[in-house]
Amino acid sequence: MTYVVPFDDQRLSRVALDRAQSYASLTDERVVAVSVVPRSPGYARERDWLAPEESFDAKLVLERLAESVESIAPTAEFEYVLADRYVSPGTISSKIRRTARKLGATVVFVGSENAGRMLTTLRSVGHSVAADDTYDVHIVRRAEPTGVAVLDERSTLFED
């Protein structure tokens, strides 16, 4: 089994990665963080992948994302897909779904603040990723400990 986490290094994707790693530590499953990186300086700056004065460098962005993944989930693998500069959210989610299927994902951990009502109201790529029925979906919508002691004690983000 493989746990896949769409990862853009935003708060809820970091929590989703931490949560996937906590579950994996109990189940001995593989965790793979998947980032889709458009070749767009604006997109990269919006996500704090680049400082305002830095020009776009895909290698630098990927190194930073990989370092962030390693700092949260040291045993997780990091996969990425480069995308066109003007890629749509639908295309990003398609690339994540395709990668999840390629990796044989059994559970995809999606961090999304908009998952509180119905999946169809997600404003992120989460809706499309969650729509694929080849894997289960774990939605992380709170950047807090789970309240489940056995999971929280394995967390790297919510240590005392």
Protein backbone atom coordinates (compact mmCIF):
# COMPACT_ATOMS: atom_id res chain seq x y z
CA MET A 1 0.00 0.00 0.00
CA THR A 2 1.02 3.56 -0.64
CA TYR A 3 -0.16 6.76 0.98
CA VAL A 4 0.05 9.73 -1.39
CA VAL A 5 -0.04 13.36 -0.29
CA PRO A 6 -0.51 16.22 -2.77
CA PHE A 7 2.09 18.61 -1.41
CA ASP A 8 2.48 22.34 -2.06
CA ASP A 9 4.18 23.18 1.26
CA GLN A 10 1.17 25.16 2.48
CA ARG A 11 0.03 24.61 6.06
CA LEU A 12 -2.65 21.99 5.42
CA SER A 13 -0.54 20.01 2.96
CA ARG A 14 2.20 19.91 5.62
CA VAL A 15 -0.35 18.66 8.16
CA ALA A 16 -1.66 16.09 5.65
CA LEU A 17 1.91 14.83 5.11
CA ASP A 18 2.49 14.63 8.85
CA ARG A 19 -0.81 12.77 9.27
CA ALA A 20 0.05 10.31 6.48
CA GLN A 21 3.44 9.68 8.09
CA SER A 22 1.76 9.06 11.46
CA TYR A 23 -0.58 6.50 9.92
CA ALA A 24 2.28 4.92 7.99
CA SER A 25 4.32 4.51 11.17
CA LEU A 26 1.49 2.31 12.48
CA THR A 27 0.92 0.37 9.27
CA ASP A 28 4.41 0.17 7.74
CA GLU A 29 3.16 1.74 4.54
CA ARG A 30 5.03 3.84 2.03
CA VAL A 31 4.37 7.62 1.95
CA VAL A 32 4.92 9.66 -1.20
CA ALA A 33 4.54 13.44 -1.32
CA VAL A 34 3.62 14.61 -4.82
CA SER A 35 4.16 18.20 -5.94
CA VAL A 36 3.01 19.70 -9.20
CA VAL A 37 5.23 22.65 -10.03
CA PRO A 38 4.09 25.03 -12.76
CA ARG A 39 6.94 26.88 -14.46
CA SER A 40 5.53 30.17 -13.19
CA PRO A 41 7.38 32.68 -11.02
CA GLY A 42 4.07 34.16 -9.81
CA TYR A 43 2.67 30.78 -8.78
CA ALA A 44 5.93 29.96 -6.98
CA ARG A 45 5.95 33.29 -5.13
CA GLU A 46 2.28 32.94 -4.10
CA ARG A 47 3.22 29.71 -2.35
CA ASP A 48 6.44 31.13 -0.86
CA TRP A 49 8.56 28.74 -2.92
CA LEU A 50 10.56 31.78 -4.11
CA ALA A 51 11.41 35.08 -2.50
CA PRO A 52 10.15 38.21 -4.33
CA GLU A 53 13.59 38.99 -5.76
CA GLU A 54 14.36 35.44 -6.96
CA SER A 55 13.89 34.44 -10.58
CA PHE A 56 12.14 31.16 -11.30
CA ASP A 57 14.43 28.15 -11.03
CA ALA A 58 12.64 24.78 -11.11
CA LYS A 59 15.60 22.99 -9.56
CA LEU A 60 15.67 25.41 -6.61
CA VAL A 61 11.90 25.10 -6.07
CA LEU A 62 12.11 21.30 -6.17
CA GLU A 63 15.03 21.27 -3.73
CA ARG A 64 13.07 23.43 -1.30
CA LEU A 65 9.96 21.27 -1.58
CA ALA A 66 12.03 18.10 -1.09
CA GLU A 67 13.71 19.61 1.99
CA SER A 68 10.33 20.53 3.45
CA VAL A 69 9.02 17.01 2.85
CA GLU A 70 12.10 15.54 4.53
CA SER A 71 11.76 17.86 7.53
CA ILE A 72 8.16 16.77 8.09
CA ALA A 73 8.33 13.09 7.12
CA PRO A 74 11.95 11.90 6.90
CA THR A 75 11.03 8.49 5.49
CA ALA A 76 8.60 9.82 2.87
CA GLU A 77 9.52 9.83 -0.79
CA PHE A 78 9.20 12.94 -2.93
CA GLU A 79 7.84 12.90 -6.47
CA TYR A 80 7.16 15.89 -8.67
CA VAL A 81 5.60 16.80 -11.97
CA LEU A 82 6.62 19.94 -13.83
CA ALA A 83 3.75 21.75 -15.53
CA ASP A 84 3.28 24.57 -18.00
CA ARG A 85 3.38 28.13 -16.75
CA TYR A 86 -0.37 28.71 -17.14
CA VAL A 87 -1.63 25.37 -15.85
CA SER A 88 -5.19 25.23 -14.51
CA PRO A 89 -6.23 23.73 -11.15
CA GLY A 90 -7.99 20.97 -13.13
CA THR A 91 -4.76 20.05 -14.89
CA ILE A 92 -2.87 20.07 -11.59
CA SER A 93 -5.41 17.69 -10.05
CA SER A 94 -5.26 15.45 -13.15
CA LYS A 95 -1.51 15.20 -12.76
CA ILE A 96 -1.87 14.33 -9.07
CA ARG A 97 -4.53 11.69 -9.81
CA ARG A 98 -2.43 10.16 -12.57
CA THR A 99 0.60 10.04 -10.28
CA ALA A 100 -1.46 8.55 -7.43
CA ARG A 101 -2.70 5.79 -9.74
CA LYS A 102 0.82 5.18 -11.07
CA LEU A 103 2.10 4.83 -7.51
CA GLY A 104 -0.71 2.42 -6.58
CA ALA A 105 -2.13 4.75 -3.95
CA THR A 106 -4.50 3.14 -1.49
CA VAL A 107 -5.13 6.37 0.42
CA VAL A 108 -4.58 9.96 -0.65
CA PHE A 109 -4.25 12.46 2.20
CA VAL A 110 -5.58 15.81 0.98
CA GLY A 111 -5.09 18.98 3.00
CA SER A 112 -7.94 21.37 2.24
CA GLU A 113 -9.57 24.06 4.35
CA ASN A 114 -12.64 23.96 2.12
CA ALA A 115 -13.62 20.34 2.73
CA GLY A 116 -15.98 21.11 5.58
CA ARG A 117 -19.21 20.92 3.64
CA MET A 118 -19.25 18.86 0.47
CA LEU A 119 -16.35 17.74 -1.68
CA THR A 120 -17.83 19.48 -4.69
CA THR A 121 -17.33 22.85 -3.02
CA LEU A 122 -13.56 22.53 -2.75
CA ARG A 123 -11.78 25.48 -4.30
CA SER A 124 -8.49 23.64 -4.42
CA VAL A 125 -7.42 20.65 -6.47
CA GLY A 126 -8.83 18.53 -3.63
CA HIS A 127 -12.24 18.06 -5.26
CA SER A 128 -10.85 16.45 -8.39
CA VAL A 129 -8.29 14.39 -6.50
CA ALA A 130 -11.00 13.13 -4.14
CA ALA A 131 -13.30 12.24 -7.06
CA ASP A 132 -11.05 9.38 -8.24
CA ASP A 133 -12.45 6.10 -6.93
CA THR A 134 -9.25 4.07 -7.33
CA TYR A 135 -8.13 5.05 -3.82
CA ASP A 136 -9.61 6.19 -0.52
CA VAL A 137 -9.27 9.82 0.53
CA HIS A 138 -8.39 11.19 3.96
CA ILE A 139 -9.23 14.89 4.15
CA VAL A 140 -7.20 17.00 6.55
CA ARG A 141 -8.96 20.27 7.21
CA ARG A 142 -7.58 21.35 10.59
CA ALA A 143 -4.00 22.23 11.39
CA GLU A 144 -4.26 20.70 14.86
CA PRO A 145 -3.46 17.39 16.51
CA THR A 146 -6.01 14.65 15.80
CA GLY A 147 -6.83 13.96 19.43
CA VAL A 148 -5.91 10.31 18.83
CA ALA A 149 -2.95 9.76 21.14
CA VAL A 150 -1.30 6.99 19.13
CA LEU A 151 -1.27 9.24 16.03
CA ASP A 152 -0.42 12.50 17.76
CA GLU A 153 2.60 11.05 19.53
CA ARG A 154 4.05 10.24 16.10
CA SER A 155 3.49 13.75 14.76
CA THR A 156 6.46 15.97 14.00
CA LEU A 157 4.38 19.15 13.72
CA PHE A 158 2.58 19.16 17.04
CA GLU A 159 5.31 18.26 19.48
CA ASP A 160 5.31 19.96 22.89
